[in-house]
C-alpha atoms as a PDB file:
ATOM      1  CA  MET A   1       0.000   0.000   0.000  1.00  0.00           C
ATOM      2  CA  ILE A   2       1.253   3.491  -0.856  1.00  0.00           C
ATOM      3  CA  THR A   3       1.737   5.661   2.196  1.00  0.00           C
ATOM      4  CA  ILE A   4      -0.038   8.995   1.878  1.00  0.00           C
ATOM      5  CA  LYS A   5       1.655  11.972   3.510  1.00  0.00           C
ATOM      6  CA  PRO A   6      -0.646  13.051   6.345  1.00  0.00           C
ATOM      7  CA  LYS A   7      -2.157  16.515   6.492  1.00  0.00           C
ATOM      8  CA  LYS A   8      -4.296  18.386   8.957  1.00  0.00           C
ATOM      9  CA  GLY A   9      -7.829  16.951   8.895  1.00  0.00           C
ATOM     10  CA  ASP A  10      -6.810  13.442   7.783  1.00  0.00           C
ATOM     11  CA  LEU A  11      -7.556  10.281   9.726  1.00  0.00           C
ATOM     12  CA  LEU A  12      -4.885   7.978  11.098  1.00  0.00           C
ATOM     13  CA  ILE A  13      -6.131   4.404  11.254  1.00  0.00           C
ATOM     14  CA  ALA A  14      -4.187   2.117  13.578  1.00  0.00           C
ATOM     15  CA  GLU A  15      -2.662  -0.776  11.702  1.00  0.00           C
ATOM     16  CA  PRO A  16      -3.500  -4.224  13.077  1.00  0.00           C
ATOM     17  CA  SER A  17       0.250  -4.531  13.764  1.00  0.00           C
ATOM     18  CA  ILE A  18      -0.012  -2.239  16.805  1.00  0.00           C
ATOM     19  CA  ILE A  19      -2.180  -4.691  18.717  1.00  0.00           C
ATOM     20  CA  GLY A  20      -1.130  -4.601  22.326  1.00  0.00           C
ATOM     21  CA  ASP A  21      -0.565  -0.831  22.354  1.00  0.00           C
ATOM     22  CA  SER A  22      -3.145   0.104  24.974  1.00  0.00           C
ATOM     23  CA  SER A  23      -3.386   3.720  23.821  1.00  0.00           C
ATOM     24  CA  PHE A  24      -3.768   3.162  20.099  1.00  0.00           C
ATOM     25  CA  ASN A  25      -5.032  -0.402  19.548  1.00  0.00           C
ATOM     26  CA  ARG A  26      -7.843  -0.130  16.965  1.00  0.00           C
ATOM     27  CA  SER A  27      -7.808   3.659  17.137  1.00  0.00           C
ATOM     28  CA  ILE A  28      -8.872   6.202  14.583  1.00  0.00           C
ATOM     29  CA  VAL A  29      -7.250   9.585  15.138  1.00  0.00           C
ATOM     30  CA  LEU A  30      -8.344  12.889  13.616  1.00  0.00           C
ATOM     31  CA  LEU A  31      -5.221  14.963  12.893  1.00  0.00           C
ATOM     32  CA  ALA A  32      -6.005  18.415  14.289  1.00  0.00           C
ATOM     33  CA  ASP A  33      -2.596  19.799  13.347  1.00  0.00           C
ATOM     34  CA  HIS A  34       0.362  18.518  11.340  1.00  0.00           C
ATOM     35  CA  THR A  35       3.473  20.630  10.796  1.00  0.00           C
ATOM     36  CA  PRO A  36       7.209  19.973  10.497  1.00  0.00           C
ATOM     37  CA  GLU A  37       7.386  20.660  14.260  1.00  0.00           C
ATOM     38  CA  GLY A  38       4.972  17.848  15.116  1.00  0.00           C
ATOM     39  CA  SER A  39       1.401  16.617  15.052  1.00  0.00           C
ATOM     40  CA  ILE A  40      -1.634  16.684  17.319  1.00  0.00           C
ATOM     41  CA  GLY A  41      -4.746  14.551  17.037  1.00  0.00           C
ATOM     42  CA  PHE A  42      -7.713  13.150  18.921  1.00  0.00           C
ATOM     43  CA  ILE A  43      -8.748   9.495  19.088  1.00  0.00           C
ATOM     44  CA  LEU A  44     -12.338   9.433  17.835  1.00  0.00           C
ATOM     45  CA  ASN A  45     -13.406   5.934  18.839  1.00  0.00           C
ATOM     46  CA  LYS A  46     -12.339   5.407  22.470  1.00  0.00           C
ATOM     47  CA  PRO A  47     -15.209   6.537  24.727  1.00  0.00           C
ATOM     48  CA  LEU A  48     -14.581   6.797  28.446  1.00  0.00           C
ATOM     49  CA  ASP A  49     -17.041   6.045  31.225  1.00  0.00           C
ATOM     50  CA  TYR A  50     -17.589   9.757  31.871  1.00  0.00           C
ATOM     51  CA  THR A  51     -19.975  12.434  30.730  1.00  0.00           C
ATOM     52  CA  ILE A  52     -19.350  16.163  30.685  1.00  0.00           C
ATOM     53  CA  GLN A  53     -21.458  16.436  33.855  1.00  0.00           C
ATOM     54  CA  ASP A  54     -19.160  13.965  35.652  1.00  0.00           C
ATOM     55  CA  LEU A  55     -16.242  16.304  34.964  1.00  0.00           C
ATOM     56  CA  ILE A  56     -18.065  19.634  35.272  1.00  0.00           C
ATOM     57  CA  PRO A  57     -21.082  19.069  37.578  1.00  0.00           C
ATOM     58  CA  GLU A  58     -22.698  22.434  36.798  1.00  0.00           C
ATOM     59  CA  LEU A  59     -23.120  21.323  33.179  1.00  0.00           C
ATOM     60  CA  LYS A  60     -26.307  19.283  33.288  1.00  0.00           C
ATOM     61  CA  ALA A  61     -25.636  17.257  30.146  1.00  0.00           C
ATOM     62  CA  ASN A  62     -24.684  13.688  29.364  1.00  0.00           C
ATOM     63  CA  PHE A  63     -22.305  14.390  26.474  1.00  0.00           C
ATOM     64  CA  LYS A  64     -19.908  11.444  26.233  1.00  0.00           C
ATOM     65  CA  ILE A  65     -16.207  12.015  26.920  1.00  0.00           C
ATOM     66  CA  TYR A  66     -13.603  10.281  24.754  1.00  0.00           C
ATOM     67  CA  ASN A  67      -9.985   9.362  25.400  1.00  0.00           C
ATOM     68  CA  GLY A  68      -8.237  11.779  23.048  1.00  0.00           C
ATOM     69  CA  GLY A  69      -4.843  10.199  23.607  1.00  0.00           C
ATOM     70  CA  PRO A  70      -2.123   9.605  26.151  1.00  0.00           C
ATOM     71  CA  VAL A  71      -0.898  13.228  26.440  1.00  0.00           C
ATOM     72  CA  GLU A  72      -2.304  15.610  29.097  1.00  0.00           C
ATOM     73  CA  GLN A  73      -5.166  13.324  30.090  1.00  0.00           C
ATOM     74  CA  ASP A  74      -6.118  15.711  32.885  1.00  0.00           C
ATOM     75  CA  ASN A  75      -7.113  18.383  30.339  1.00  0.00           C
ATOM     76  CA  LEU A  76     -10.417  18.618  28.480  1.00  0.00           C
ATOM     77  CA  TYR A  77     -10.359  19.326  24.737  1.00  0.00           C
ATOM     78  CA  PHE A  78     -13.109  19.546  22.161  1.00  0.00           C
ATOM     79  CA  ILE A  79     -13.764  19.590  18.432  1.00  0.00           C
ATOM     80  CA  HIS A  80     -16.947  20.960  16.928  1.00  0.00           C
ATOM     81  CA  LYS A  81     -18.677  22.108  13.768  1.00  0.00           C
ATOM     82  CA  VAL A  82     -20.271  25.359  14.960  1.00  0.00           C
ATOM     83  CA  PRO A  83     -17.616  28.117  14.772  1.00  0.00           C
ATOM     84  CA  GLU A  84     -20.349  30.718  14.419  1.00  0.00           C
ATOM     85  CA  LEU A  85     -21.433  29.854  18.000  1.00  0.00           C
ATOM     86  CA  ILE A  86     -17.992  29.319  19.594  1.00  0.00           C
ATOM     87  CA  PRO A  87     -15.569  32.268  19.344  1.00  0.00           C
ATOM     88  CA  ASN A  88     -11.818  31.712  18.961  1.00  0.00           C
ATOM     89  CA  SER A  89     -12.207  28.313  17.273  1.00  0.00           C
ATOM     90  CA  ILE A  90      -9.355  27.046  15.105  1.00  0.00           C
ATOM     91  CA  GLU A  91     -10.309  25.406  11.811  1.00  0.00           C
ATOM     92  CA  ILE A  92      -8.895  21.927  11.330  1.00  0.00           C
ATOM     93  CA  SER A  93     -10.466  21.354   7.898  1.00  0.00           C
ATOM     94  CA  LEU A  94     -13.709  20.449   6.151  1.00  0.00           C
ATOM     95  CA  GLY A  95     -15.896  22.374   8.615  1.00  0.00           C
ATOM     96  CA  ILE A  96     -14.341  20.848  11.743  1.00  0.00           C
ATOM     97  CA  TYR A  97     -12.973  23.180  14.402  1.00  0.00           C
ATOM     98  CA  TRP A  98     -10.850  22.720  17.489  1.00  0.00           C
ATOM     99  CA  GLY A  99     -11.241  24.553  20.774  1.00  0.00           C
ATOM    100  CA  GLY A 100     -12.591  28.018  21.339  1.00  0.00           C
ATOM    101  CA  ASP A 101     -14.211  29.907  24.192  1.00  0.00           C
ATOM    102  CA  PHE A 102     -15.145  27.230  26.752  1.00  0.00           C
ATOM    103  CA  ASP A 103     -17.318  29.646  28.787  1.00  0.00           C
ATOM    104  CA  LYS A 104     -19.429  30.111  25.656  1.00  0.00           C
ATOM    105  CA  VAL A 105     -19.574  26.307  25.174  1.00  0.00           C
ATOM    106  CA  ALA A 106     -20.807  25.908  28.772  1.00  0.00           C
ATOM    107  CA  GLU A 107     -23.436  28.618  28.231  1.00  0.00           C
ATOM    108  CA  LEU A 108     -24.635  27.004  24.986  1.00  0.00           C
ATOM    109  CA  ILE A 109     -24.919  23.602  26.669  1.00  0.00           C
ATOM    110  CA  ALA A 110     -26.758  25.084  29.671  1.00  0.00           C
ATOM    111  CA  ASN A 111     -29.245  26.795  27.325  1.00  0.00           C
ATOM    112  CA  ASN A 112     -29.714  23.628  25.220  1.00  0.00           C
ATOM    113  CA  GLU A 113     -28.324  25.487  22.195  1.00  0.00           C
ATOM    114  CA  LEU A 114     -25.506  23.025  21.547  1.00  0.00           C
ATOM    115  CA  GLY A 115     -26.190  19.346  20.939  1.00  0.00           C
ATOM    116  CA  GLU A 116     -23.878  16.368  21.204  1.00  0.00           C
ATOM    117  CA  ASN A 117     -24.064  15.973  17.407  1.00  0.00           C
ATOM    118  CA  ASN A 118     -22.172  19.289  17.078  1.00  0.00           C
ATOM    119  CA  ILE A 119     -19.332  18.792  19.567  1.00  0.00           C
ATOM    120  CA  ARG A 120     -17.115  16.012  20.894  1.00  0.00           C
ATOM    121  CA  PHE A 121     -15.114  16.192  24.144  1.00  0.00           C
ATOM    122  CA  PHE A 122     -11.800  14.487  24.896  1.00  0.00           C
ATOM    123  CA  LEU A 123      -9.578  13.958  27.897  1.00  0.00           C
ATOM    124  CA  GLY A 124      -6.036  14.246  26.566  1.00  0.00           C
ATOM    125  CA  TYR A 125      -4.719  14.252  23.053  1.00  0.00           C
ATOM    126  CA  SER A 126      -2.361  12.305  20.814  1.00  0.00           C
ATOM    127  CA  GLY A 127       0.919  14.034  20.050  1.00  0.00           C
ATOM    128  CA  TRP A 128       3.972  13.374  17.926  1.00  0.00           C
ATOM    129  CA  ASP A 129       7.268  15.270  17.906  1.00  0.00           C
ATOM    130  CA  ALA A 130       8.878  16.418  14.653  1.00  0.00           C
ATOM    131  CA  ASN A 131       9.308  13.406  12.320  1.00  0.00           C
ATOM    132  CA  GLN A 132       7.884  10.951  14.915  1.00  0.00           C
ATOM    133  CA  LEU A 133       4.658  10.384  12.983  1.00  0.00           C
ATOM    134  CA  ASP A 134       6.614   9.960   9.728  1.00  0.00           C
ATOM    135  CA  GLU A 135       8.718   7.273  11.424  1.00  0.00           C
ATOM    136  CA  GLU A 136       5.580   5.497  12.693  1.00  0.00           C
ATOM    137  CA  LEU A 137       4.153   5.584   9.170  1.00  0.00           C
ATOM    138  CA  LYS A 138       7.348   3.999   7.810  1.00  0.00           C
ATOM    139  CA  THR A 139       6.981   1.149  10.330  1.00  0.00           C
ATOM    140  CA  ASN A 140       3.364   0.595   9.272  1.00  0.00           C
ATOM    141  CA  SER A 141       1.802   1.677  12.556  1.00  0.00           C
ATOM    142  CA  TRP A 142      -0.799   3.808  10.785  1.00  0.00           C
ATOM    143  CA  VAL A 143      -2.705   4.096   7.539  1.00  0.00           C
ATOM    144  CA  VAL A 144      -3.468   7.667   6.476  1.00  0.00           C
ATOM    145  CA  SER A 145      -6.980   8.159   5.161  1.00  0.00           C
ATOM    146  CA  GLU A 146      -8.821  11.182   3.871  1.00  0.00           C
ATOM    147  CA  ASN A 147     -11.713  12.253   6.107  1.00  0.00           C
ATOM    148  CA  ILE A 148     -14.567  11.372   3.749  1.00  0.00           C
ATOM    149  CA  TYR A 149     -17.129  12.200   6.450  1.00  0.00           C
ATOM    150  CA  LYS A 150     -16.101  15.869   6.610  1.00  0.00           C
ATOM    151  CA  LYS A 151     -17.757  17.607   9.608  1.00  0.00           C
ATOM    152  CA  ALA A 152     -20.187  14.694  10.079  1.00  0.00           C
ATOM    153  CA  ILE A 153     -17.245  12.824  11.628  1.00  0.00           C
ATOM    154  CA  ILE A 154     -18.287  14.378  14.949  1.00  0.00           C
ATOM    155  CA  GLU A 155     -21.526  12.376  14.803  1.00  0.00           C
ATOM    156  CA  LYS A 156     -19.862   9.159  13.606  1.00  0.00           C
ATOM    157  CA  ASP A 157     -20.727   6.127  15.700  1.00  0.00           C
ATOM    158  CA  TYR A 158     -17.509   5.042  17.368  1.00  0.00           C
ATOM    159  CA  GLN A 159     -18.427   1.421  18.109  1.00  0.00           C
ATOM    160  CA  PHE A 160     -17.636  -0.144  14.727  1.00  0.00           C
ATOM    161  CA  PHE A 161     -15.596   2.690  13.200  1.00  0.00           C
ATOM    162  CA  TRP A 162     -12.226   0.886  13.096  1.00  0.00           C
ATOM    163  CA  LYS A 163     -13.832  -2.284  11.711  1.00  0.00           C
ATOM    164  CA  GLU A 164     -15.588  -0.238   8.988  1.00  0.00           C
ATOM    165  CA  LYS A 165     -12.296   1.367   7.987  1.00  0.00           C
ATOM    166  CA  MET A 166     -10.581  -2.048   7.797  1.00  0.00           C
ATOM    167  CA  VAL A 167     -13.323  -3.273   5.446  1.00  0.00           C
ATOM    168  CA  GLU A 168     -13.023  -0.091   3.328  1.00  0.00           C
ATOM    169  CA  LEU A 169      -9.251  -0.574   3.018  1.00  0.00           C
ATOM    170  CA  GLY A 170      -9.936  -4.074   1.653  1.00  0.00           C
ATOM    171  CA  GLY A 171      -7.440  -6.826   0.945  1.00  0.00           C
ATOM    172  CA  GLU A 172      -5.628  -8.149   4.011  1.00  0.00           C
ATOM    173  CA  TYR A 173      -7.301  -5.460   6.151  1.00  0.00           C
ATOM    174  CA  SER A 174     -10.702  -7.083   5.593  1.00  0.00           C
ATOM    175  CA  ILE A 175      -9.470 -10.169   7.419  1.00  0.00           C
ATOM    176  CA  TRP A 176      -8.497  -8.057  10.440  1.00  0.00           C
ATOM    177  CA  SER A 177     -11.954  -6.476  10.573  1.00  0.00           C
ATOM    178  CA  ASN A 178     -13.353  -9.683  12.088  1.00  0.00           C
ATOM    179  CA  ALA A 179     -10.400 -10.563  14.316  1.00  0.00           C
ATOM    180  CA  PRO A 180     -11.009 -10.395  18.070  1.00  0.00           C
ATOM    181  CA  GLU A 181      -9.670  -7.279  19.767  1.00  0.00           C
ATOM    182  CA  ASP A 182      -7.213  -9.396  21.737  1.00  0.00           C
ATOM    183  CA  PRO A 183      -6.156 -12.339  19.535  1.00  0.00           C
ATOM    184  CA  SER A 184      -4.501 -14.098  22.491  1.00  0.00           C
ATOM    185  CA  ALA A 185      -7.965 -14.430  24.055  1.00  0.00           C
ATOM    186  CA  ASN A 186      -9.154 -16.397  21.038  1.00  0.00           C
END
């Protein structure tokens, strides 16, 4: 398979070869930033057993929290598709934005003006130093994929996302789509 050079907004799909990596096993990461200095992304398909209300009790909402990655897991991050409602947002690509004024986010949630289909919260993020991601791509840890879902990725069901991507990639990846998450338990 030809390795595509990643760019901001692309998806990184964990190769089956990184089974056993507790952070990234069967992960799909949205690249929020990718420069020669490094890369930042958020794991889209690893929900945690928390809601936004568990972390911020005054927010009376059950928005699911996801494990964004192993870096700074004590910090809350978010991506969204409503920059017109959230000042100071940074565009990732394709109508997806990162961060912005959290006080405004809290106000929008409190007033039921922001739904879970427009925003996704993460504890932590995934980060790579300069050239680290390129090295991981050379060792077949990741497959780079265009984000065909555009801003609808925020609403994407996480449960079968990795399996769907394996099927889409075809060939030997299709076989992995049905493999148990931990092959040693088979």
